[in-house]
Amino acid sequence: MRILFILIFLIIYSASSVEARTRLCVRTAHAPEAPCIMAEAARTDAEHRIGLMHRQSLLPHEGMLFFYQPPQPIFMWMKNTLIALDIVFLDDSKNIIHRELNAQPHDLTPHGTSAPVAYVLEVPHGTASAYQMDIGTKLIWNNP
């Protein structure tokens, strides 16, 4: 019974924390009128640790935007991540400096770069190509 209570609490807590998280409208600077990727903002260490773990699905226009201050080398893995992702690494000017396309679920291989990273955008596999997120592309975002 105690385990059931804990599981229910964790489910309710995780659902409420996702709802409370800020959502940002992310686009490429070369197509500012294109549809948004609605990205949940992950700013805290706790949000960084959980990321998109345990998500059953993600729509093509959804994702998560991680903020890192100060900029630093960032490496991510796919532990407990259930869907394939494109992982896009940006510098402090919001320019794409590295991409990892089709990162596979549950893969413990570190994905990232030793260059200073200020932001990381995780989106469903195929989204980075569909939105023409290439190395050097600038991303823009604001609150919807």
N, C-alpha and C. Protein backbone atom coordinates (compact mmCIF):
# COMPACT_ATOMS: atom_id res chain seq x y z
N MET A 1 0.83 -1.19 0.00
CA MET A 1 0.00 0.00 0.00
C MET A 1 0.87 1.26 0.00
N ARG A 2 1.94 1.22 0.78
CA ARG A 2 2.84 2.38 0.86
C ARG A 2 3.48 2.65 -0.50
N ILE A 3 3.88 1.59 -1.19
CA ILE A 3 4.48 1.75 -2.52
C ILE A 3 3.48 2.37 -3.48
N LEU A 4 2.24 1.92 -3.42
CA LEU A 4 1.19 2.48 -4.27
C LEU A 4 1.02 3.97 -4.01
N PHE A 5 1.01 4.36 -2.74
CA PHE A 5 0.89 5.78 -2.39
C PHE A 5 2.05 6.58 -2.97
N ILE A 6 3.26 6.05 -2.84
CA ILE A 6 4.45 6.74 -3.35
C ILE A 6 4.37 6.87 -4.87
N LEU A 7 3.96 5.81 -5.55
CA LEU A 7 3.83 5.87 -7.01
C LEU A 7 2.80 6.91 -7.44
N ILE A 8 1.67 6.94 -6.78
CA ILE A 8 0.64 7.93 -7.11
C ILE A 8 1.16 9.34 -6.88
N PHE A 9 1.85 9.54 -5.76
CA PHE A 9 2.43 10.86 -5.47
C PHE A 9 3.41 11.27 -6.56
N LEU A 10 4.29 10.36 -6.96
CA LEU A 10 5.29 10.69 -7.99
C LEU A 10 4.63 11.01 -9.33
N ILE A 11 3.60 10.29 -9.69
CA ILE A 11 2.90 10.56 -10.94
C ILE A 11 2.25 11.93 -10.90
N ILE A 12 1.57 12.24 -9.82
CA ILE A 12 0.92 13.55 -9.69
C ILE A 12 1.96 14.65 -9.66
N TYR A 13 3.04 14.46 -8.91
CA TYR A 13 4.10 15.48 -8.82
C TYR A 13 4.75 15.72 -10.18
N SER A 14 5.06 14.65 -10.90
CA SER A 14 5.73 14.84 -12.20
C SER A 14 4.79 15.49 -13.19
N ALA A 15 3.52 15.15 -13.17
CA ALA A 15 2.56 15.78 -14.08
C ALA A 15 2.40 17.25 -13.76
N SER A 16 2.34 17.60 -12.49
CA SER A 16 2.17 19.01 -12.14
C SER A 16 3.42 19.82 -12.45
N SER A 17 4.60 19.23 -12.31
CA SER A 17 5.82 19.98 -12.60
C SER A 17 5.95 20.25 -14.09
N VAL A 18 5.48 19.34 -14.94
CA VAL A 18 5.51 19.58 -16.38
C VAL A 18 4.57 20.72 -16.72
N GLU A 19 3.38 20.71 -16.13
CA GLU A 19 2.41 21.76 -16.42
C GLU A 19 2.91 23.13 -15.96
N ALA A 20 3.63 23.17 -14.85
CA ALA A 20 4.09 24.44 -14.31
C ALA A 20 5.29 25.01 -15.07
N ARG A 21 5.97 24.18 -15.83
CA ARG A 21 7.16 24.60 -16.54
C ARG A 21 6.80 25.57 -17.66
N THR A 22 7.62 26.58 -17.84
CA THR A 22 7.41 27.55 -18.91
C THR A 22 7.57 26.88 -20.27
N ARG A 23 6.71 27.22 -21.19
CA ARG A 23 6.83 26.73 -22.57
C ARG A 23 7.24 27.89 -23.45
N LEU A 24 8.22 27.63 -24.30
CA LEU A 24 8.76 28.65 -25.19
C LEU A 24 8.48 28.29 -26.63
N CYS A 25 8.27 29.31 -27.45
CA CYS A 25 8.07 29.14 -28.89
C CYS A 25 9.44 29.26 -29.55
N VAL A 26 10.00 28.12 -30.00
CA VAL A 26 11.34 28.09 -30.59
C VAL A 26 11.22 27.97 -32.10
N ARG A 27 11.98 28.83 -32.81
CA ARG A 27 12.01 28.82 -34.28
C ARG A 27 13.43 29.07 -34.75
N THR A 28 13.67 28.81 -36.04
CA THR A 28 14.94 29.22 -36.62
C THR A 28 14.83 30.69 -37.02
N ALA A 29 15.94 31.42 -36.92
CA ALA A 29 15.92 32.85 -37.26
C ALA A 29 15.65 33.05 -38.75
N HIS A 30 16.02 32.08 -39.60
CA HIS A 30 15.78 32.24 -41.04
C HIS A 30 14.32 31.95 -41.42
N ALA A 31 13.51 31.46 -40.50
CA ALA A 31 12.10 31.22 -40.77
C ALA A 31 11.27 31.63 -39.56
N PRO A 32 11.29 32.93 -39.21
CA PRO A 32 10.61 33.38 -37.98
C PRO A 32 9.09 33.23 -38.02
N GLU A 33 8.52 33.02 -39.20
CA GLU A 33 7.07 32.84 -39.29
C GLU A 33 6.67 31.37 -39.33
N ALA A 34 7.65 30.49 -39.29
CA ALA A 34 7.37 29.05 -39.31
C ALA A 34 6.66 28.64 -38.02
N PRO A 35 6.00 27.50 -38.05
CA PRO A 35 5.37 27.02 -36.81
C PRO A 35 6.40 26.85 -35.70
N CYS A 36 5.96 27.07 -34.49
CA CYS A 36 6.83 26.95 -33.31
C CYS A 36 7.10 25.49 -32.96
N ILE A 37 8.25 25.28 -32.37
CA ILE A 37 8.46 24.10 -31.55
C ILE A 37 8.15 24.58 -30.13
N MET A 38 7.16 23.99 -29.52
CA MET A 38 6.79 24.37 -28.16
C MET A 38 7.68 23.58 -27.20
N ALA A 39 8.65 24.28 -26.64
CA ALA A 39 9.67 23.64 -25.81
C ALA A 39 9.47 23.99 -24.34
N GLU A 40 9.48 22.97 -23.51
CA GLU A 40 9.46 23.18 -22.06
C GLU A 40 10.83 23.70 -21.64
N ALA A 41 10.87 24.71 -20.83
CA ALA A 41 12.13 25.26 -20.34
C ALA A 41 12.62 24.44 -19.15
N ALA A 42 13.87 23.98 -19.23
CA ALA A 42 14.51 23.25 -18.14
C ALA A 42 15.67 24.11 -17.65
N ARG A 43 15.49 24.73 -16.49
CA ARG A 43 16.48 25.68 -15.98
C ARG A 43 17.22 25.19 -14.73
N THR A 44 16.59 24.33 -13.96
CA THR A 44 17.19 23.91 -12.69
C THR A 44 17.95 22.59 -12.86
N ASP A 45 18.81 22.29 -11.89
CA ASP A 45 19.53 21.01 -11.92
C ASP A 45 18.56 19.84 -11.92
N ALA A 46 17.50 19.93 -11.14
CA ALA A 46 16.52 18.85 -11.09
C ALA A 46 15.85 18.67 -12.45
N GLU A 47 15.48 19.76 -13.09
CA GLU A 47 14.87 19.67 -14.43
C GLU A 47 15.87 19.12 -15.44
N HIS A 48 17.13 19.50 -15.32
CA HIS A 48 18.17 18.97 -16.20
C HIS A 48 18.32 17.46 -16.02
N ARG A 49 18.30 16.98 -14.78
CA ARG A 49 18.49 15.55 -14.51
C ARG A 49 17.35 14.72 -15.08
N ILE A 50 16.13 15.20 -14.98
CA ILE A 50 14.97 14.43 -15.43
C ILE A 50 14.77 14.57 -16.94
N GLY A 51 14.89 15.78 -17.45
CA GLY A 51 14.75 16.00 -18.89
C GLY A 51 13.49 15.36 -19.45
N LEU A 52 13.67 14.59 -20.52
CA LEU A 52 12.54 13.93 -21.17
C LEU A 52 12.45 12.44 -20.80
N MET A 53 13.09 12.07 -19.69
CA MET A 53 13.01 10.67 -19.25
C MET A 53 11.56 10.26 -19.03
N HIS A 54 11.28 9.03 -19.36
CA HIS A 54 10.00 8.37 -19.09
C HIS A 54 8.84 8.92 -19.91
N ARG A 55 9.08 9.83 -20.83
CA ARG A 55 8.00 10.31 -21.69
C ARG A 55 7.66 9.22 -22.70
N GLN A 56 6.38 8.92 -22.81
CA GLN A 56 5.94 7.88 -23.74
C GLN A 56 5.96 8.37 -25.19
N SER A 57 5.72 9.67 -25.37
CA SER A 57 5.67 10.21 -26.73
C SER A 57 5.92 11.71 -26.67
N LEU A 58 6.21 12.25 -27.84
CA LEU A 58 6.43 13.69 -27.99
C LEU A 58 5.97 14.03 -29.40
N LEU A 59 5.15 15.03 -29.56
CA LEU A 59 4.70 15.43 -30.90
C LEU A 59 5.85 16.09 -31.65
N PRO A 60 5.82 16.09 -33.00
CA PRO A 60 6.93 16.66 -33.77
C PRO A 60 7.22 18.13 -33.46
N HIS A 61 6.24 18.86 -32.95
CA HIS A 61 6.44 20.28 -32.66
C HIS A 61 6.66 20.54 -31.15
N GLU A 62 7.03 19.50 -30.41
CA GLU A 62 7.29 19.63 -28.98
C GLU A 62 8.75 19.32 -28.68
N GLY A 63 9.21 19.82 -27.54
CA GLY A 63 10.58 19.53 -27.14
C GLY A 63 10.88 20.09 -25.76
N MET A 64 12.17 20.11 -25.44
CA MET A 64 12.63 20.67 -24.18
C MET A 64 13.87 21.50 -24.46
N LEU A 65 13.91 22.71 -23.88
CA LEU A 65 15.05 23.61 -24.03
C LEU A 65 15.74 23.74 -22.68
N PHE A 66 17.00 23.30 -22.63
CA PHE A 66 17.80 23.34 -21.41
C PHE A 66 18.65 24.61 -21.41
N PHE A 67 18.71 25.28 -20.28
CA PHE A 67 19.51 26.50 -20.12
C PHE A 67 20.71 26.19 -19.23
N TYR A 68 21.90 26.61 -19.67
CA TYR A 68 23.13 26.40 -18.90
C TYR A 68 23.88 27.72 -18.76
N GLN A 69 24.00 28.20 -17.55
CA GLN A 69 24.78 29.41 -17.27
C GLN A 69 25.70 29.15 -16.10
N PRO A 70 26.98 29.38 -16.28
CA PRO A 70 27.63 29.87 -17.48
C PRO A 70 27.72 28.75 -18.53
N PRO A 71 27.95 29.14 -19.81
CA PRO A 71 28.14 28.12 -20.86
C PRO A 71 29.26 27.16 -20.47
N GLN A 72 29.08 25.90 -20.83
CA GLN A 72 30.02 24.85 -20.43
C GLN A 72 29.93 23.67 -21.38
N PRO A 73 30.94 22.79 -21.41
CA PRO A 73 30.81 21.56 -22.20
C PRO A 73 29.64 20.75 -21.65
N ILE A 74 28.82 20.23 -22.54
CA ILE A 74 27.64 19.47 -22.14
C ILE A 74 27.62 18.13 -22.87
N PHE A 75 27.38 17.08 -22.11
CA PHE A 75 27.20 15.74 -22.65
C PHE A 75 25.95 15.16 -22.02
N MET A 76 25.10 14.56 -22.86
CA MET A 76 23.83 14.00 -22.39
C MET A 76 23.75 12.54 -22.83
N TRP A 77 22.97 11.77 -22.10
CA TRP A 77 22.72 10.40 -22.50
C TRP A 77 21.22 10.18 -22.56
N MET A 78 20.84 9.00 -22.98
CA MET A 78 19.43 8.69 -23.22
C MET A 78 18.87 7.71 -22.18
N LYS A 79 19.50 7.65 -21.01
CA LYS A 79 19.03 6.74 -19.96
C LYS A 79 17.57 7.04 -19.63
N ASN A 80 16.77 6.00 -19.61
CA ASN A 80 15.33 6.08 -19.29
C ASN A 80 14.56 6.98 -20.25
N THR A 81 15.14 7.28 -21.39
CA THR A 81 14.43 8.05 -22.42
C THR A 81 13.83 7.04 -23.38
N LEU A 82 12.53 7.15 -23.62
CA LEU A 82 11.79 6.12 -24.34
C LEU A 82 11.62 6.41 -25.83
N ILE A 83 12.00 7.60 -26.28
CA ILE A 83 11.81 7.97 -27.68
C ILE A 83 13.13 8.47 -28.27
N ALA A 84 13.32 8.24 -29.57
CA ALA A 84 14.52 8.74 -30.26
C ALA A 84 14.44 10.26 -30.35
N LEU A 85 15.59 10.91 -30.15
CA LEU A 85 15.63 12.37 -30.13
C LEU A 85 16.71 12.91 -31.05
N ASP A 86 16.50 14.14 -31.51
CA ASP A 86 17.56 14.98 -32.06
C ASP A 86 17.96 15.92 -30.94
N ILE A 87 19.27 16.05 -30.70
CA ILE A 87 19.76 16.90 -29.62
C ILE A 87 20.60 17.99 -30.26
N VAL A 88 20.20 19.24 -30.06
CA VAL A 88 20.81 20.39 -30.72
C VAL A 88 21.49 21.26 -29.65
N PHE A 89 22.79 21.51 -29.83
CA PHE A 89 23.60 22.26 -28.87
C PHE A 89 23.86 23.66 -29.41
N LEU A 90 23.64 24.68 -28.56
CA LEU A 90 23.77 26.07 -28.99
C LEU A 90 24.74 26.83 -28.09
N ASP A 91 25.40 27.83 -28.69
CA ASP A 91 26.28 28.70 -27.91
C ASP A 91 25.46 29.81 -27.27
N ASP A 92 26.13 30.74 -26.60
CA ASP A 92 25.39 31.80 -25.90
C ASP A 92 24.76 32.81 -26.84
N SER A 93 25.07 32.75 -28.13
CA SER A 93 24.40 33.60 -29.13
C SER A 93 23.23 32.88 -29.78
N LYS A 94 22.92 31.68 -29.30
CA LYS A 94 21.82 30.85 -29.79
C LYS A 94 22.09 30.26 -31.17
N ASN A 95 23.37 30.14 -31.54
CA ASN A 95 23.75 29.51 -32.80
C ASN A 95 24.03 28.03 -32.55
N ILE A 96 23.59 27.19 -33.48
CA ILE A 96 23.82 25.75 -33.36
C ILE A 96 25.30 25.46 -33.60
N ILE A 97 25.92 24.80 -32.63
CA ILE A 97 27.34 24.46 -32.76
C ILE A 97 27.57 22.95 -32.87
N HIS A 98 26.54 22.16 -32.56
CA HIS A 98 26.68 20.70 -32.63
C HIS A 98 25.28 20.09 -32.65
N ARG A 99 25.15 18.96 -33.36
CA ARG A 99 23.88 18.23 -33.38
C ARG A 99 24.14 16.75 -33.20
N GLU A 100 23.24 16.10 -32.53
CA GLU A 100 23.23 14.64 -32.45
C GLU A 100 21.86 14.22 -32.96
N LEU A 101 21.83 13.65 -34.15
CA LEU A 101 20.56 13.26 -34.76
C LEU A 101 20.27 11.78 -34.47
N ASN A 102 19.03 11.50 -34.15
CA ASN A 102 18.56 10.14 -33.92
C ASN A 102 19.26 9.46 -32.74
N ALA A 103 19.38 10.17 -31.63
CA ALA A 103 19.89 9.55 -30.40
C ALA A 103 18.86 8.50 -29.97
N GLN A 104 19.33 7.29 -29.75
CA GLN A 104 18.44 6.15 -29.54
C GLN A 104 18.02 5.99 -28.07
N PRO A 105 16.79 5.54 -27.86
CA PRO A 105 16.30 5.31 -26.49
C PRO A 105 17.24 4.41 -25.69
N HIS A 106 17.41 4.74 -24.43
CA HIS A 106 18.16 3.96 -23.44
C HIS A 106 19.66 3.89 -23.71
N ASP A 107 20.16 4.58 -24.72
CA ASP A 107 21.59 4.55 -25.05
C ASP A 107 22.38 5.35 -24.00
N LEU A 108 23.40 4.75 -23.44
CA LEU A 108 24.20 5.41 -22.41
C LEU A 108 25.44 6.10 -22.98
N THR A 109 25.55 6.14 -24.31
CA THR A 109 26.66 6.84 -24.95
C THR A 109 26.50 8.34 -24.72
N PRO A 110 27.55 9.03 -24.27
CA PRO A 110 27.45 10.49 -24.09
C PRO A 110 27.34 11.19 -25.45
N HIS A 111 26.36 12.07 -25.56
CA HIS A 111 26.15 12.88 -26.77
C HIS A 111 26.43 14.33 -26.38
N GLY A 112 27.33 14.99 -27.11
CA GLY A 112 27.59 16.38 -26.78
C GLY A 112 28.85 16.92 -27.40
N THR A 113 29.34 18.00 -26.81
CA THR A 113 30.51 18.68 -27.33
C THR A 113 31.30 19.29 -26.17
N SER A 114 32.61 19.39 -26.37
CA SER A 114 33.45 20.02 -25.35
C SER A 114 33.47 21.54 -25.50
N ALA A 115 32.85 22.06 -26.56
CA ALA A 115 32.73 23.52 -26.73
C ALA A 115 31.74 24.06 -25.69
N PRO A 116 31.87 25.33 -25.31
CA PRO A 116 30.92 25.91 -24.35
C PRO A 116 29.49 25.94 -24.92
N VAL A 117 28.56 25.37 -24.17
CA VAL A 117 27.16 25.28 -24.57
C VAL A 117 26.33 26.08 -23.58
N ALA A 118 25.43 26.92 -24.10
CA ALA A 118 24.53 27.69 -23.25
C ALA A 118 23.11 27.13 -23.26
N TYR A 119 22.75 26.43 -24.35
CA TYR A 119 21.39 25.89 -24.49
C TYR A 119 21.46 24.55 -25.21
N VAL A 120 20.54 23.67 -24.87
CA VAL A 120 20.38 22.41 -25.59
C VAL A 120 18.89 22.24 -25.86
N LEU A 121 18.56 21.95 -27.12
CA LEU A 121 17.18 21.69 -27.51
C LEU A 121 17.05 20.21 -27.84
N GLU A 122 16.14 19.53 -27.15
CA GLU A 122 15.82 18.14 -27.47
C GLU A 122 14.45 18.10 -28.13
N VAL A 123 14.41 17.45 -29.29
CA VAL A 123 13.17 17.33 -30.06
C VAL A 123 13.07 15.90 -30.60
N PRO A 124 11.88 15.46 -30.99
CA PRO A 124 11.75 14.11 -31.55
C PRO A 124 12.63 13.95 -32.79
N HIS A 125 13.14 12.73 -32.98
CA HIS A 125 13.98 12.46 -34.14
C HIS A 125 13.28 12.89 -35.43
N GLY A 126 14.02 13.57 -36.28
CA GLY A 126 13.51 14.06 -37.56
C GLY A 126 13.12 15.53 -37.53
N THR A 127 12.90 16.06 -36.34
CA THR A 127 12.47 17.46 -36.21
C THR A 127 13.58 18.43 -36.59
N ALA A 128 14.81 18.17 -36.19
CA ALA A 128 15.92 19.08 -36.51
C ALA A 128 16.07 19.23 -38.02
N SER A 129 15.97 18.15 -38.75
CA SER A 129 16.06 18.22 -40.22
C SER A 129 14.84 18.90 -40.81
N ALA A 130 13.66 18.58 -40.30
CA ALA A 130 12.43 19.19 -40.82
C ALA A 130 12.42 20.70 -40.65
N TYR A 131 13.02 21.19 -39.57
CA TYR A 131 13.08 22.63 -39.30
C TYR A 131 14.39 23.26 -39.80
N GLN A 132 15.18 22.50 -40.55
CA GLN A 132 16.46 22.96 -41.11
C GLN A 132 17.38 23.54 -40.04
N MET A 133 17.53 22.79 -38.97
CA MET A 133 18.43 23.19 -37.87
C MET A 133 19.82 22.63 -38.16
N ASP A 134 20.59 23.37 -38.92
CA ASP A 134 21.93 22.96 -39.31
C ASP A 134 22.97 23.68 -38.46
N ILE A 135 24.21 23.20 -38.50
CA ILE A 135 25.30 23.87 -37.80
C ILE A 135 25.36 25.32 -38.30
N GLY A 136 25.43 26.26 -37.38
CA GLY A 136 25.48 27.68 -37.72
C GLY A 136 24.12 28.37 -37.73
N THR A 137 23.04 27.58 -37.76
CA THR A 137 21.69 28.16 -37.73
C THR A 137 21.44 28.80 -36.37
N LYS A 138 20.84 29.98 -36.40
CA LYS A 138 20.48 30.68 -35.16
C LYS A 138 19.03 30.34 -34.81
N LEU A 139 18.79 30.04 -33.54
CA LEU A 139 17.44 29.83 -33.06
C LEU A 139 16.99 31.04 -32.28
N ILE A 140 15.70 31.27 -32.30
CA ILE A 140 15.10 32.37 -31.54
C ILE A 140 13.94 31.79 -30.73
N TRP A 141 13.64 32.40 -29.61
CA TRP A 141 12.48 31.97 -28.83
C TRP A 141 11.97 33.12 -27.98
N ASN A 142 10.71 32.97 -27.64
CA ASN A 142 10.05 33.90 -26.72
C ASN A 142 8.90 33.16 -26.08
N ASN A 143 8.31 33.76 -25.09
CA ASN A 143 7.14 33.14 -24.48
C ASN A 143 5.99 33.22 -25.46
N PRO A 144 5.20 32.15 -25.56
CA PRO A 144 4.07 32.16 -26.51
C PRO A 144 2.98 33.13 -26.10
